[in-house]
Amino acid sequence: MLCSLCQAAQAYLKRTSSPPAGAHRKRSHLPWCHQRMARFLPLANGIAARHTIQLMCSHYQGIQGRERFERHFGTALPEDAGQADVWPGYRALFIRNTPAGAPPTAPHWQALTGLFGLVPHWSTDLRMTRHTYNARSETAFEKPSFRDAWRRSQHCIIAAEALFEPDWRSGRAVAARIASADGAPLGVAGLWSCWRVQEQEIFSFTMLTVNADDHPVMRLMHKPGEEKRMVVVLPPQHYGDWLSMPARESLAFLQGQREPDRLVLT
């Protein structure tokens, strides 16, 4: 059975041929819809590993263990937990507030699987994910790709085990793994969107970034001479605050979350 994202992408592609036998079942392969969409998502079939080492916040490790995820985030892991090694256009987990109208017994938060790279509701295809996996918190409110999600406070938390960033201290880009100092999962502040096509819904999300010139770890990343940026890793006690934060208070909140001792190189 295809996951909901695959079903929606299948309807979108409207191709006549069948998926490769077993492609959706093999954990070592992308779902067939993403294989077929390689023409739209050049980062989808391993190309990312060769071409995005210098891009900011484009690669992270997702959380796969159900018990670990549910214990940390306090909500149920969906059947499709996404991919463990995440690049733009890949399926991964995010958490949002449970929509209004849900049963009274429903949990306050809802975990969903979406594409890494926000696809705004007005987009004509999924190519947007190549460019929208990060959003600068200072300008997201005015950028066409992000402003609707920002103004509507479509806040989310992206679940991650670790982040990968290019470390240039040796004179060349070397992938560095960055994780929580206490070994807990990471909750990254983001925005989510829902793209509808042929009565199907495809969710997507982006990670919000702030300046990192003064951060003891993140200022070491990225090419010398470039502005140092970092995603906003939230302390668990602030997860609920972010998910319910009104748009007018979002920027100040994000800029106050840069705890210097939260992240370490591993």
Protein backbone atom coordinates (compact mmCIF):
# COMPACT_ATOMS: atom_id res chain seq x y z
CA MET A 1 0.00 0.00 0.00
CA LEU A 2 1.30 3.44 -0.87
CA CYS A 3 1.57 6.08 1.82
CA SER A 4 -0.66 9.14 1.59
CA LEU A 5 2.16 11.28 0.19
CA CYS A 6 2.85 8.70 -2.49
CA GLN A 7 -0.84 8.49 -3.39
CA ALA A 8 -1.06 12.25 -3.73
CA ALA A 9 2.11 12.43 -5.79
CA GLN A 10 0.87 9.59 -7.96
CA ALA A 11 -2.30 11.53 -8.71
CA TYR A 12 -0.21 14.61 -9.43
CA LEU A 13 2.16 12.91 -11.82
CA LYS A 14 -0.66 11.22 -13.80
CA ARG A 15 1.78 8.84 -15.42
CA THR A 16 0.71 5.63 -17.13
CA SER A 17 3.47 3.23 -16.12
CA SER A 18 3.52 1.24 -12.88
CA PRO A 19 5.96 1.71 -9.99
CA PRO A 20 8.98 -0.59 -9.88
CA ALA A 21 8.12 -3.88 -8.18
CA GLY A 22 8.76 -3.59 -4.46
CA ALA A 23 10.17 -0.06 -4.68
CA HIS A 24 7.90 1.21 -1.94
CA ARG A 25 8.66 -1.69 0.36
CA LYS A 26 12.44 -1.59 0.25
CA ARG A 27 13.82 0.58 3.03
CA SER A 28 16.94 1.29 0.99
CA HIS A 29 14.98 3.03 -1.78
CA LEU A 30 12.85 6.12 -1.95
CA PRO A 31 9.12 5.63 -2.51
CA TRP A 32 8.44 5.23 -6.21
CA CYS A 33 6.67 8.59 -6.42
CA HIS A 34 9.90 10.36 -5.44
CA GLN A 35 11.90 8.27 -7.88
CA ARG A 36 9.54 9.26 -10.65
CA MET A 37 9.65 12.89 -9.52
CA ALA A 38 13.41 13.13 -9.87
CA ARG A 39 12.84 15.32 -12.92
CA PHE A 40 11.12 17.80 -10.61
CA LEU A 41 13.30 17.24 -7.54
CA PRO A 42 16.96 16.88 -8.60
CA LEU A 43 17.93 16.45 -4.92
CA ALA A 44 15.80 13.35 -4.54
CA ASN A 45 17.88 10.34 -5.57
CA GLY A 46 21.17 10.72 -3.74
CA ILE A 47 22.32 13.72 -5.78
CA ALA A 48 21.96 15.80 -2.62
CA ALA A 49 24.87 14.03 -0.95
CA ARG A 50 27.18 15.17 -3.74
CA HIS A 51 25.93 18.70 -4.34
CA THR A 52 24.55 20.20 -1.12
CA ILE A 53 27.45 19.93 1.30
CA GLN A 54 27.85 23.73 1.18
CA LEU A 55 24.15 24.53 1.57
CA MET A 56 22.89 25.59 4.96
CA CYS A 57 20.70 23.30 7.04
CA SER A 58 19.81 21.04 4.13
CA HIS A 59 20.58 17.68 5.73
CA TYR A 60 19.53 16.12 9.00
CA GLN A 61 18.91 12.79 10.68
CA GLY A 62 15.27 12.00 11.45
CA ILE A 63 13.94 10.09 14.45
CA GLN A 64 12.83 6.53 13.67
CA GLY A 65 12.25 4.93 17.07
CA ARG A 66 8.58 5.09 18.07
CA GLU A 67 9.18 4.98 21.83
CA ARG A 68 11.89 7.65 21.69
CA PHE A 69 9.76 9.95 19.53
CA GLU A 70 6.56 9.57 21.56
CA ARG A 71 8.32 9.90 24.91
CA HIS A 72 10.02 13.14 23.90
CA PHE A 73 7.27 14.86 21.91
CA GLY A 74 4.25 13.47 23.73
CA THR A 75 2.26 12.57 20.63
CA ALA A 76 1.75 9.45 18.53
CA LEU A 77 4.16 8.60 15.75
CA PRO A 78 2.30 8.31 12.40
CA GLU A 79 2.39 5.06 10.47
CA ASP A 80 4.64 6.66 7.85
CA ALA A 81 7.56 7.98 9.89
CA GLY A 82 9.38 9.37 6.87
CA GLN A 83 13.03 8.80 6.10
CA ALA A 84 15.94 8.55 8.49
CA ASP A 85 18.39 10.48 6.30
CA VAL A 86 16.61 13.67 5.26
CA TRP A 87 17.41 16.03 2.36
CA PRO A 88 15.19 18.61 0.61
CA GLY A 89 12.19 16.90 -0.99
CA TYR A 90 12.36 13.87 1.32
CA ARG A 91 9.54 12.76 3.63
CA ALA A 92 10.03 13.54 7.31
CA LEU A 93 8.15 14.20 10.54
CA PHE A 94 6.84 17.48 11.91
CA ILE A 95 4.53 18.34 14.79
CA ARG A 96 1.79 20.98 14.82
CA ASN A 97 -1.16 21.90 17.01
CA THR A 98 -4.12 19.59 16.50
CA PRO A 99 -6.55 21.41 14.18
CA ALA A 100 -9.74 22.93 15.53
CA GLY A 101 -12.71 20.60 15.34
CA ALA A 102 -10.80 17.52 16.47
CA PRO A 103 -12.50 15.26 19.06
CA PRO A 104 -12.14 16.46 22.67
CA THR A 105 -10.06 13.37 23.45
CA ALA A 106 -7.52 14.15 20.73
CA PRO A 107 -4.01 15.11 21.92
CA HIS A 108 -3.04 18.78 21.78
CA TRP A 109 -0.30 18.07 19.25
CA GLN A 110 -0.37 16.12 16.00
CA ALA A 111 2.58 14.49 14.24
CA LEU A 112 2.44 14.38 10.44
CA THR A 113 4.70 13.35 7.59
CA GLY A 114 5.55 16.05 5.07
CA LEU A 115 8.13 17.08 2.50
CA PHE A 116 11.27 18.88 3.70
CA GLY A 117 10.93 22.15 1.81
CA LEU A 118 7.78 24.22 2.10
CA VAL A 119 5.37 24.12 -0.85
CA PRO A 120 3.01 27.13 -0.61
CA HIS A 121 -0.64 26.57 -1.44
CA TRP A 122 -0.32 28.58 -4.67
CA SER A 123 2.58 26.54 -6.11
CA THR A 124 2.00 24.73 -9.41
CA ASP A 125 4.35 21.82 -8.61
CA LEU A 126 6.72 20.42 -6.01
CA ARG A 127 9.96 21.89 -7.32
CA MET A 128 9.75 24.51 -4.59
CA THR A 129 11.31 22.10 -2.10
CA ARG A 130 14.72 22.63 -3.71
CA HIS A 131 14.75 26.21 -2.43
CA THR A 132 12.40 26.41 0.56
CA TYR A 133 13.86 24.05 3.16
CA ASN A 134 15.15 27.06 5.15
CA ALA A 135 13.44 30.38 5.87
CA ARG A 136 15.18 33.40 7.35
CA SER A 137 13.12 34.37 10.39
CA GLU A 138 13.85 38.07 9.79
CA THR A 139 12.26 38.09 6.32
CA ALA A 140 9.84 35.12 6.25
CA PHE A 141 6.87 37.44 6.83
CA GLU A 142 7.46 39.16 3.47
CA LYS A 143 8.76 36.35 1.24
CA PRO A 144 6.07 34.96 -1.13
CA SER A 145 6.97 31.35 -0.35
CA PHE A 146 6.63 31.77 3.42
CA ARG A 147 4.50 34.82 4.22
CA ASP A 148 1.13 33.05 4.26
CA ALA A 149 2.36 30.37 6.66
CA TRP A 150 4.03 33.04 8.81
CA ARG A 151 1.00 35.33 8.96
CA ARG A 152 -1.30 32.41 9.74
CA SER A 153 1.05 31.21 12.50
CA GLN A 154 1.34 27.77 10.90
CA HIS A 155 4.09 26.88 13.31
CA CYS A 156 5.58 23.43 13.60
CA ILE A 157 8.40 21.54 15.25
CA ILE A 158 10.64 19.37 13.08
CA ALA A 159 11.81 16.24 14.88
CA ALA A 160 15.50 15.48 14.41
CA GLU A 161 18.17 13.29 15.91
CA ALA A 162 21.03 15.40 14.59
CA LEU A 163 21.89 18.13 12.08
CA PHE A 164 24.67 18.06 9.50
CA GLU A 165 26.53 21.24 8.56
CA PRO A 166 29.65 21.98 6.48
CA ASP A 167 32.67 22.56 8.71
CA TRP A 168 35.30 24.65 6.88
CA ARG A 169 37.95 24.83 9.61
CA SER A 170 40.21 22.46 7.66
CA GLY A 171 39.99 24.65 4.55
CA ARG A 172 37.41 22.43 2.84
CA ALA A 173 33.83 21.46 3.57
CA VAL A 174 33.58 18.46 5.89
CA ALA A 175 30.18 17.29 7.06
CA ALA A 176 29.89 17.80 10.82
CA ARG A 177 27.25 16.08 12.93
CA ILE A 178 25.59 18.32 15.52
CA ALA A 179 23.34 16.94 18.24
CA SER A 180 21.85 17.85 21.60
CA ALA A 181 24.34 18.07 24.45
CA ASP A 182 22.07 15.93 26.65
CA GLY A 183 21.49 13.26 23.98
CA ALA A 184 17.78 14.05 23.63
CA PRO A 185 16.05 14.51 20.26
CA LEU A 186 16.04 17.97 18.70
CA GLY A 187 12.92 20.01 18.09
CA VAL A 188 13.53 22.60 15.35
CA ALA A 189 11.18 25.56 14.90
CA GLY A 190 9.51 25.67 11.51
CA LEU A 191 6.52 26.58 9.38
CA TRP A 192 4.20 24.11 7.66
CA SER A 193 1.94 24.30 4.64
CA CYS A 194 -0.57 22.09 2.84
CA TRP A 195 -0.59 21.77 -0.95
CA ARG A 196 -3.80 20.38 -2.42
CA VAL A 197 -4.04 18.64 -5.76
CA GLN A 198 -6.87 16.50 -7.11
CA GLU A 199 -8.51 16.23 -3.67
CA GLN A 200 -5.24 15.06 -2.13
CA GLU A 201 -3.17 16.87 0.49
CA ILE A 202 0.61 17.04 0.55
CA PHE A 203 2.07 18.58 3.70
CA SER A 204 5.45 20.28 3.73
CA PHE A 205 7.60 22.31 6.10
CA THR A 206 10.63 24.57 6.38
CA MET A 207 13.17 25.19 9.14
CA LEU A 208 13.47 28.76 10.44
CA THR A 209 16.94 30.24 10.83
CA VAL A 210 18.55 33.05 12.82
CA ASN A 211 21.99 34.67 12.87
CA ALA A 212 24.68 32.51 14.50
CA ASP A 213 27.71 34.82 14.56
CA ASP A 214 27.95 34.49 18.34
CA HIS A 215 27.05 30.82 18.73
CA PRO A 216 30.06 28.77 19.94
CA VAL A 217 29.33 25.80 17.64
CA MET A 218 27.37 27.14 14.68
CA ARG A 219 29.72 30.06 14.02
CA LEU A 220 32.33 27.43 13.08
CA MET A 221 30.15 26.09 10.27
CA HIS A 222 29.85 27.26 6.66
CA LYS A 223 32.34 28.93 4.38
CA PRO A 224 34.54 31.73 5.76
CA GLY A 225 33.21 35.14 4.85
CA GLU A 226 29.59 34.00 4.71
CA GLU A 227 27.03 35.05 7.28
CA LYS A 228 26.74 32.41 9.98
CA ARG A 229 23.20 31.05 10.26
CA MET A 230 21.58 28.30 12.28
CA VAL A 231 18.20 26.66 12.66
CA VAL A 232 16.29 27.41 15.85
CA VAL A 233 16.51 24.43 18.20
CA LEU A 234 13.84 24.83 20.86
CA PRO A 235 14.12 23.65 24.48
CA PRO A 236 11.34 21.13 25.17
CA GLN A 237 9.63 23.44 27.66
CA HIS A 238 9.06 25.95 24.85
CA TYR A 239 7.52 23.55 22.30
CA GLY A 240 3.98 24.47 23.26
CA ASP A 241 4.80 28.18 23.33
CA TRP A 242 6.06 28.07 19.75
CA LEU A 243 3.14 26.06 18.41
CA SER A 244 0.68 28.59 19.84
CA MET A 245 2.74 31.76 19.28
CA PRO A 246 0.93 34.59 17.43
CA ALA A 247 2.71 35.89 14.33
CA ARG A 248 3.41 39.31 15.82
CA GLU A 249 5.52 37.73 18.59
CA SER A 250 7.25 35.03 16.54
CA LEU A 251 10.43 36.84 15.51
CA ALA A 252 11.33 38.05 19.00
CA PHE A 253 10.64 34.58 20.37
CA LEU A 254 12.91 32.88 17.81
CA GLN A 255 15.76 35.30 18.39
CA GLY A 256 15.65 34.53 22.10
CA GLN A 257 16.17 30.76 21.68
CA ARG A 258 19.90 30.61 20.92
CA GLU A 259 21.12 28.75 23.99
CA PRO A 260 24.91 28.41 23.56
CA ASP A 261 25.27 25.09 25.39
CA ARG A 262 22.40 23.18 23.79
CA LEU A 263 24.28 21.88 20.71
CA VAL A 264 27.56 19.98 20.48
CA LEU A 265 29.67 18.46 17.71
CA THR A 266 29.51 14.66 17.85
